[in-house]
C-alpha atoms as a PDB file:
ATOM      1  CA  MET A   1      98.950  81.093  93.855  1.00  0.00           C
ATOM      2  CA  LYS A   2     102.289  80.196  92.339  1.00  0.00           C
ATOM      3  CA  GLN A   3     105.335  81.004  94.405  1.00  0.00           C
ATOM      4  CA  THR A   4     106.885  83.963  92.651  1.00  0.00           C
ATOM      5  CA  GLU A   5     109.245  86.673  93.743  1.00  0.00           C
ATOM      6  CA  LYS A   6     107.335  89.504  95.385  1.00  0.00           C
ATOM      7  CA  ALA A   7     107.340  92.831  93.589  1.00  0.00           C
ATOM      8  CA  PHE A   8     107.315  94.673  96.939  1.00  0.00           C
ATOM      9  CA  ASP A   9     108.672  93.795 100.382  1.00  0.00           C
ATOM     10  CA  ARG A  10     106.568  96.526 102.013  1.00  0.00           C
ATOM     11  CA  CYS A  11     103.368  98.347 101.041  1.00  0.00           C
ATOM     12  CA  PRO A  12     104.126 100.917  98.314  1.00  0.00           C
ATOM     13  CA  VAL A  13     101.448 103.243  99.762  1.00  0.00           C
ATOM     14  CA  CYS A  14     102.349 103.379 103.463  1.00  0.00           C
ATOM     15  CA  GLY A  15     105.328 101.062 104.007  1.00  0.00           C
ATOM     16  CA  GLY A  16     103.281  98.614 106.086  1.00  0.00           C
ATOM     17  CA  GLU A  17     103.742  94.851 106.262  1.00  0.00           C
ATOM     18  CA  LEU A  18     102.246  92.776 103.431  1.00  0.00           C
ATOM     19  CA  VAL A  19     100.624  89.382 103.992  1.00  0.00           C
ATOM     20  CA  GLU A  20      99.064  87.021 101.475  1.00  0.00           C
ATOM     21  CA  LYS A  21      95.306  86.643 101.895  1.00  0.00           C
ATOM     22  CA  ARG A  22      92.377  85.265  99.951  1.00  0.00           C
ATOM     23  CA  VAL A  23      90.113  88.225  99.130  1.00  0.00           C
ATOM     24  CA  GLU A  24      86.939  88.966  97.196  1.00  0.00           C
ATOM     25  CA  LYS A  25      87.138  91.460  94.339  1.00  0.00           C
ATOM     26  CA  LEU A  26      84.029  93.029  92.801  1.00  0.00           C
ATOM     27  CA  LEU A  27      84.322  93.525  89.042  1.00  0.00           C
ATOM     28  CA  ARG A  28      81.859  95.569  87.027  1.00  0.00           C
ATOM     29  CA  GLY A  29      81.281  95.320  83.305  1.00  0.00           C
ATOM     30  CA  GLY A  30      78.337  97.111  81.732  1.00  0.00           C
ATOM     31  CA  ALA A  31      75.402  96.812  84.148  1.00  0.00           C
ATOM     32  CA  ASP A  32      76.644  93.512  85.596  1.00  0.00           C
ATOM     33  CA  THR A  33      78.923  92.645  88.503  1.00  0.00           C
ATOM     34  CA  ALA A  34      81.030  89.563  89.246  1.00  0.00           C
ATOM     35  CA  VAL A  35      82.556  88.492  92.566  1.00  0.00           C
ATOM     36  CA  VAL A  36      85.971  86.863  92.174  1.00  0.00           C
ATOM     37  CA  LYS A  37      87.915  85.199  94.998  1.00  0.00           C
ATOM     38  CA  VAL A  38      91.669  85.554  94.510  1.00  0.00           C
ATOM     39  CA  HIS A  39      94.943  85.719  96.406  1.00  0.00           C
ATOM     40  CA  ALA A  40      96.452  89.147  97.008  1.00  0.00           C
ATOM     41  CA  GLU A  41      99.181  90.722  99.073  1.00  0.00           C
ATOM     42  CA  VAL A  42      97.303  92.878 101.604  1.00  0.00           C
ATOM     43  CA  CYS A  43      98.828  95.621 103.743  1.00  0.00           C
ATOM     44  CA  LEU A  44      98.159  95.086 107.441  1.00  0.00           C
ATOM     45  CA  HIS A  45      98.306  98.860 108.044  1.00  0.00           C
ATOM     46  CA  CYS A  46      96.268 100.539 105.273  1.00  0.00           C
ATOM     47  CA  GLY A  47      94.531  97.590 103.575  1.00  0.00           C
ATOM     48  CA  GLU A  48      96.039  98.229 100.126  1.00  0.00           C
ATOM     49  CA  ARG A  49      95.793  95.135  97.906  1.00  0.00           C
ATOM     50  CA  LEU A  50      98.488  94.102  95.440  1.00  0.00           C
ATOM     51  CA  TYR A  51      97.534  91.621  92.725  1.00  0.00           C
ATOM     52  CA  SER A  52      99.785  89.590  90.441  1.00  0.00           C
ATOM     53  CA  GLN A  53      99.937  90.484  86.744  1.00  0.00           C
ATOM     54  CA  GLU A  54      98.196  87.187  85.970  1.00  0.00           C
ATOM     55  CA  THR A  55      95.332  88.079  88.323  1.00  0.00           C
ATOM     56  CA  VAL A  56      94.961  91.552  86.803  1.00  0.00           C
ATOM     57  CA  ARG A  57      94.793  90.000  83.310  1.00  0.00           C
ATOM     58  CA  ARG A  58      92.061  87.665  84.576  1.00  0.00           C
ATOM     59  CA  PHE A  59      90.140  90.678  85.963  1.00  0.00           C
ATOM     60  CA  GLU A  60      90.309  92.342  82.527  1.00  0.00           C
ATOM     61  CA  GLU A  61      89.074  89.155  80.849  1.00  0.00           C
ATOM     62  CA  ILE A  62      86.115  88.888  83.242  1.00  0.00           C
ATOM     63  CA  ARG A  63      85.201  92.574  82.788  1.00  0.00           C
ATOM     64  CA  GLY A  64      85.211  92.073  79.010  1.00  0.00           C
ATOM     65  CA  LYS A  65      82.924  89.055  79.303  1.00  0.00           C
ATOM     66  CA  LEU A  66      80.540  91.003  81.514  1.00  0.00           C
ATOM     67  CA  GLU A  67      80.415  93.861  78.986  1.00  0.00           C
ATOM     68  CA  ARG A  68      79.700  91.394  76.142  1.00  0.00           C
ATOM     69  CA  LYS A  69      77.122  89.506  78.261  1.00  0.00           C
ATOM     70  CA  ASP A  70      79.251  86.362  77.754  1.00  0.00           C
ATOM     71  CA  VAL A  71      78.347  84.939  81.166  1.00  0.00           C
ATOM     72  CA  ALA A  72      77.302  81.369  80.294  1.00  0.00           C
ATOM     73  CA  ASN A  73      80.126  79.939  82.457  1.00  0.00           C
ATOM     74  CA  PHE A  74      79.492  82.298  85.390  1.00  0.00           C
ATOM     75  CA  GLN A  75      77.508  81.081  88.404  1.00  0.00           C
ATOM     76  CA  PRO A  76      74.491  83.249  89.354  1.00  0.00           C
ATOM     77  CA  MET A  77      74.562  84.468  92.975  1.00  0.00           C
ATOM     78  CA  GLY A  78      71.158  86.058  93.451  1.00  0.00           C
ATOM     79  CA  GLN A  79      70.002  89.518  92.492  1.00  0.00           C
ATOM     80  CA  SER A  80      71.281  93.063  92.869  1.00  0.00           C
ATOM     81  CA  PHE A  81      69.114  96.091  93.471  1.00  0.00           C
ATOM     82  CA  GLN A  82      69.609  99.832  93.179  1.00  0.00           C
ATOM     83  CA  VAL A  83      67.931 101.894  95.883  1.00  0.00           C
ATOM     84  CA  ALA A  84      67.660 105.669  95.839  1.00  0.00           C
ATOM     85  CA  ALA A  85      69.007 107.285  98.987  1.00  0.00           C
ATOM     86  CA  SER A  86      66.577 109.535 100.803  1.00  0.00           C
ATOM     87  CA  CYS A  87      68.743 112.270 102.278  1.00  0.00           C
END
C-alpha cells in the first residue's frame, strides 16, 4: 500500500484506534464470489474496515468481471455450496 495521508485518525463509527492490516474481502458478482486480499485500516474496537479509493475501484472492477463471467485471469479456489438450513 502506498503511503498516503489517512482520511481518518480515528474510526468514524466508534472513535476507536485504526491500524493497518492485510484482510480478506469477499466480493460477489452474479452467482460468483471472489476472495481478494488487500490492505485496510481496521478499527481495533469495532472492527470497521476503511479502504482506499484505489482499493474500492478495484473491488468494483472485480465485481463487474464476475458479473460478465470474465474470470480467465482469476485463480480457482475450490467449490462453493448452498445448503438449506433446517430450522
